[in-house]
Amino acid sequence: MNLIILGPPGAGKGTQCKKLVKDFDLIQLSTGEMLRAEVKSGSRVGNKAKKLMDAGSLVPDDLIVEMISIQIDKHVNVKGFILDGFPRTAAQAGALDGMLSEKALKMDHVIQLEVDEDAVIKRLSGRFSCAECNIGYHDVFKRPIEDNKCDICGAQEFVRRTDDKLETIHSRLAAYRHKSEPILPYYNDKGILKCIDGMGSMEDVHTKIKEIIMGGDPKN
């Protein structure tokens, strides 16, 4: 069973992917992590990607697809994979399908988490974490029990991600709309796209995703 979880920044894709990996014995394939690992290993693909990045060039789609292919071949004993961060364009989706077809595989489900952008901005801009143990907090939804003191380790220093600044969040959301949303018709035409409300609780969203995977329609 092979999945893609789509949605804008702050939709909760990472959280849902981690839960699905445990539920269904899948692997999570993050293109960013794969790229860093290949470069670090000094593999043929990694060296080729490093030369391109050092020259300030983007890593081409065919190289990304080849890295995904390598990871799939390495994990033949798992029941499938979840793609994280790829594809982002219809061309990438087509290249991915071509590679999977060569392995007699296919994409089974593409699930779009639909969220309210104003709520996402509030969710992302309020995040911060303990500088010592990295436990996450939020200005509104999850403050430390004692102000300026981590509930877990007692540290008193907290940090915020640079990409959670308000202007950066707006840019990330605009980039998602421009680059990623156009792949939705591609998968809709294939009959494997499902859109669900991503604004519910983490468990409610997870339940809806599992209903889709198990062959049903998510209950609203």
Protein backbone atom coordinates (compact mmCIF):
# COMPACT_ATOMS: atom_id res chain seq x y z
CA MET A 1 0.00 0.00 0.00
CA ASN A 2 1.58 3.24 -1.17
CA LEU A 3 0.37 6.66 -0.06
CA ILE A 4 0.87 10.37 -0.56
CA ILE A 5 -0.36 12.75 2.13
CA LEU A 6 -0.81 16.28 0.78
CA GLY A 7 -1.62 19.57 2.43
CA PRO A 8 -0.19 23.02 3.09
CA PRO A 9 2.37 23.76 5.79
CA GLY A 10 0.79 23.27 9.20
CA ALA A 11 -1.81 20.78 8.01
CA GLY A 12 -0.35 18.04 10.22
CA LYS A 13 1.10 15.84 7.48
CA GLY A 14 4.17 14.87 9.49
CA THR A 15 2.15 13.80 12.52
CA GLN A 16 -0.23 11.70 10.43
CA CYS A 17 2.61 10.07 8.48
CA LYS A 18 4.31 8.92 11.68
CA LYS A 19 1.08 7.35 12.96
CA LEU A 20 0.38 5.61 9.63
CA VAL A 21 3.90 4.19 9.50
CA LYS A 22 3.23 2.43 12.81
CA ASP A 23 -0.33 1.38 11.96
CA PHE A 24 0.40 -0.22 8.59
CA ASP A 25 4.12 -1.18 8.68
CA LEU A 26 5.10 1.41 6.08
CA ILE A 27 8.23 3.45 5.48
CA GLN A 28 8.20 7.23 5.24
CA LEU A 29 10.24 8.49 2.31
CA SER A 30 11.24 12.11 2.81
CA THR A 31 12.98 13.48 -0.27
CA GLY A 32 14.97 15.94 1.83
CA GLU A 33 16.25 13.23 4.16
CA MET A 34 16.99 10.88 1.27
CA LEU A 35 18.97 13.56 -0.51
CA ARG A 36 21.06 14.34 2.57
CA ALA A 37 21.70 10.64 3.20
CA GLU A 38 22.81 9.96 -0.38
CA VAL A 39 25.16 12.93 -0.36
CA LYS A 40 26.63 11.88 2.98
CA SER A 41 27.13 8.28 1.80
CA GLY A 42 29.10 9.37 -1.26
CA SER A 43 26.99 7.18 -3.53
CA ARG A 44 26.85 7.72 -7.28
CA VAL A 45 23.47 9.41 -6.97
CA GLY A 46 24.64 11.42 -3.96
CA ASN A 47 27.77 12.66 -5.68
CA LYS A 48 25.79 13.69 -8.73
CA ALA A 49 23.29 15.57 -6.58
CA LYS A 50 26.09 17.25 -4.58
CA LYS A 51 27.74 18.60 -7.72
CA LEU A 52 24.46 20.11 -8.82
CA MET A 53 23.74 21.66 -5.42
CA ASP A 54 27.29 23.00 -5.08
CA ALA A 55 26.80 24.68 -8.46
CA GLY A 56 23.58 26.25 -7.23
CA SER A 57 21.39 24.07 -9.45
CA LEU A 58 18.20 22.25 -8.50
CA VAL A 59 18.29 18.47 -8.26
CA PRO A 60 16.34 17.28 -11.33
CA ASP A 61 13.19 15.19 -11.07
CA ASP A 62 14.78 12.08 -12.58
CA LEU A 63 17.43 12.03 -9.86
CA ILE A 64 14.84 12.39 -7.10
CA VAL A 65 12.78 9.57 -8.63
CA GLU A 66 15.92 7.41 -8.80
CA MET A 67 16.56 8.00 -5.09
CA ILE A 68 12.99 6.97 -4.29
CA SER A 69 13.47 3.86 -6.43
CA ILE A 70 16.63 2.96 -4.50
CA GLN A 71 14.83 3.28 -1.16
CA ILE A 72 11.92 1.15 -2.32
CA ASP A 73 14.36 -1.58 -3.38
CA LYS A 74 16.07 -1.39 0.02
CA HIS A 75 12.81 -1.94 1.93
CA VAL A 76 11.27 -4.92 0.16
CA ASN A 77 10.02 -6.40 3.44
CA VAL A 78 7.70 -3.54 4.39
CA LYS A 79 4.11 -3.29 3.25
CA GLY A 80 4.46 0.01 1.39
CA PHE A 81 5.55 3.61 1.70
CA ILE A 82 4.36 7.15 2.36
CA LEU A 83 5.92 9.90 0.29
CA ASP A 84 6.84 13.10 2.12
CA GLY A 85 7.62 16.18 0.03
CA PHE A 86 7.22 14.61 -3.39
CA PRO A 87 5.69 14.94 -5.94
CA ARG A 88 5.04 18.67 -6.12
CA THR A 89 4.21 19.00 -9.83
CA ALA A 90 2.24 17.01 -12.39
CA ALA A 91 5.50 16.24 -14.23
CA GLN A 92 6.98 14.77 -11.06
CA ALA A 93 3.81 12.75 -10.47
CA GLY A 94 4.07 11.32 -13.98
CA ALA A 95 7.74 10.43 -13.54
CA LEU A 96 6.94 8.76 -10.23
CA ASP A 97 4.15 6.69 -11.79
CA GLY A 98 6.49 5.60 -14.57
CA MET A 99 9.07 4.34 -12.10
CA LEU A 100 6.46 2.52 -10.01
CA SER A 101 5.02 0.88 -13.13
CA GLU A 102 8.43 -0.56 -13.95
CA LYS A 103 8.39 -2.24 -10.53
CA ALA A 104 4.79 -3.45 -10.99
CA LEU A 105 3.74 -1.05 -8.23
CA LYS A 106 1.25 1.81 -8.11
CA MET A 107 0.11 4.65 -5.93
CA ASP A 108 -2.93 3.45 -3.98
CA HIS A 109 -4.16 6.57 -2.18
CA VAL A 110 -3.50 10.30 -2.37
CA ILE A 111 -5.03 12.11 0.58
CA GLN A 112 -5.37 15.88 0.71
CA LEU A 113 -5.73 17.49 4.15
CA GLU A 114 -7.87 20.57 3.67
CA VAL A 115 -7.36 23.31 6.24
CA ASP A 116 -8.38 26.89 6.88
CA GLU A 117 -5.38 29.11 6.11
CA ASP A 118 -6.14 31.60 8.88
CA ALA A 119 -6.19 28.74 11.38
CA VAL A 120 -2.94 27.36 9.95
CA ILE A 121 -1.26 30.74 10.34
CA LYS A 122 -2.39 30.88 13.97
CA ARG A 123 -1.21 27.30 14.51
CA LEU A 124 2.25 27.80 12.99
CA SER A 125 3.03 31.31 14.23
CA GLY A 126 2.39 30.29 17.84
CA ARG A 127 4.75 27.31 17.93
CA PHE A 128 7.86 27.19 20.10
CA SER A 129 9.92 24.44 21.70
CA CYS A 130 12.25 23.72 24.57
CA ALA A 131 15.84 24.44 23.55
CA GLU A 132 17.04 21.53 25.69
CA CYS A 133 14.69 18.56 25.06
CA ASN A 134 12.85 19.90 21.97
CA ILE A 135 9.35 19.25 23.33
CA GLY A 136 6.82 21.40 21.47
CA TYR A 137 4.59 24.12 22.91
CA HIS A 138 2.17 26.74 21.58
CA ASP A 139 1.29 30.28 22.66
CA VAL A 140 -2.43 29.41 22.72
CA PHE A 141 -2.98 25.65 22.57
CA LYS A 142 -0.18 24.25 24.74
CA ARG A 143 1.67 26.52 27.10
CA PRO A 144 4.08 25.20 29.77
CA ILE A 145 2.39 24.56 33.10
CA GLU A 146 4.82 27.04 34.65
CA ASP A 147 5.73 30.05 32.54
CA ASN A 148 9.28 29.98 31.15
CA LYS A 149 9.93 26.46 32.43
CA CYS A 150 9.76 23.26 30.38
CA ASP A 151 7.30 20.69 31.75
CA ILE A 152 9.61 17.81 30.82
CA CYS A 153 13.19 18.80 31.63
CA GLY A 154 12.81 22.07 33.55
CA ALA A 155 14.92 24.10 31.12
CA GLN A 156 14.12 27.79 30.88
CA GLU A 157 15.20 28.53 27.34
CA PHE A 158 12.80 28.23 24.39
CA VAL A 159 13.26 28.65 20.64
CA ARG A 160 11.06 29.36 17.61
CA ARG A 161 11.66 28.09 14.08
CA THR A 162 12.67 30.78 11.61
CA ASP A 163 10.15 29.46 9.08
CA ASP A 164 7.34 30.01 11.59
CA LYS A 165 7.64 33.78 11.30
CA LEU A 166 4.43 35.35 10.01
CA GLU A 167 5.85 36.63 6.71
CA THR A 168 7.55 33.29 6.06
CA ILE A 169 4.32 31.39 6.70
CA HIS A 170 2.47 33.51 4.14
CA SER A 171 5.22 32.79 1.59
CA ARG A 172 5.13 29.05 2.29
CA LEU A 173 1.36 28.91 1.86
CA ALA A 174 1.54 30.86 -1.40
CA ALA A 175 4.27 28.53 -2.68
CA TYR A 176 2.11 25.50 -1.86
CA ARG A 177 -0.87 26.92 -3.73
CA HIS A 178 1.27 27.74 -6.75
CA LYS A 179 3.41 24.60 -6.99
CA SER A 180 1.60 21.73 -5.28
CA GLU A 181 -2.16 22.21 -5.72
CA PRO A 182 -1.92 21.67 -9.53
CA ILE A 183 -1.14 17.98 -8.95
CA LEU A 184 -4.59 17.41 -7.41
CA PRO A 185 -6.37 17.14 -10.80
CA TYR A 186 -3.72 14.63 -11.92
CA TYR A 187 -4.58 12.24 -9.10
CA ASN A 188 -8.28 13.05 -9.19
CA ASP A 189 -8.39 11.91 -12.82
CA LYS A 190 -6.86 8.61 -11.69
CA GLY A 191 -9.61 8.17 -9.11
CA ILE A 192 -7.26 7.87 -6.14
CA LEU A 193 -7.55 11.36 -4.63
CA LYS A 194 -9.54 11.86 -1.43
CA CYS A 195 -9.93 15.21 0.31
CA ILE A 196 -10.70 15.31 4.01
CA ASP A 197 -11.18 18.03 6.62
CA GLY A 198 -7.82 18.47 8.33
CA MET A 199 -9.10 20.89 10.95
CA GLY A 200 -10.36 18.28 13.39
CA SER A 201 -8.39 16.78 16.23
CA MET A 202 -5.31 14.72 15.42
CA GLU A 203 -7.20 11.52 16.25
CA ASP A 204 -10.27 12.47 14.20
CA VAL A 205 -8.14 13.18 11.13
CA HIS A 206 -6.24 9.95 11.67
CA THR A 207 -9.48 7.98 11.86
CA LYS A 208 -10.68 9.46 8.56
CA ILE A 209 -7.41 8.58 6.84
CA LYS A 210 -7.61 5.00 8.10
CA GLU A 211 -11.19 4.71 6.85
CA ILE A 212 -9.99 5.65 3.36
CA ILE A 213 -7.10 3.19 3.51
CA MET A 214 -9.36 0.40 4.70
CA GLY A 215 -11.65 0.92 1.73
CA GLY A 216 -14.38 3.16 3.06
CA ASP A 217 -15.36 6.79 2.82
CA PRO A 218 -14.40 9.08 5.69
CA LYS A 219 -17.34 10.04 7.90
CA ASN A 220 -17.74 13.80 8.18
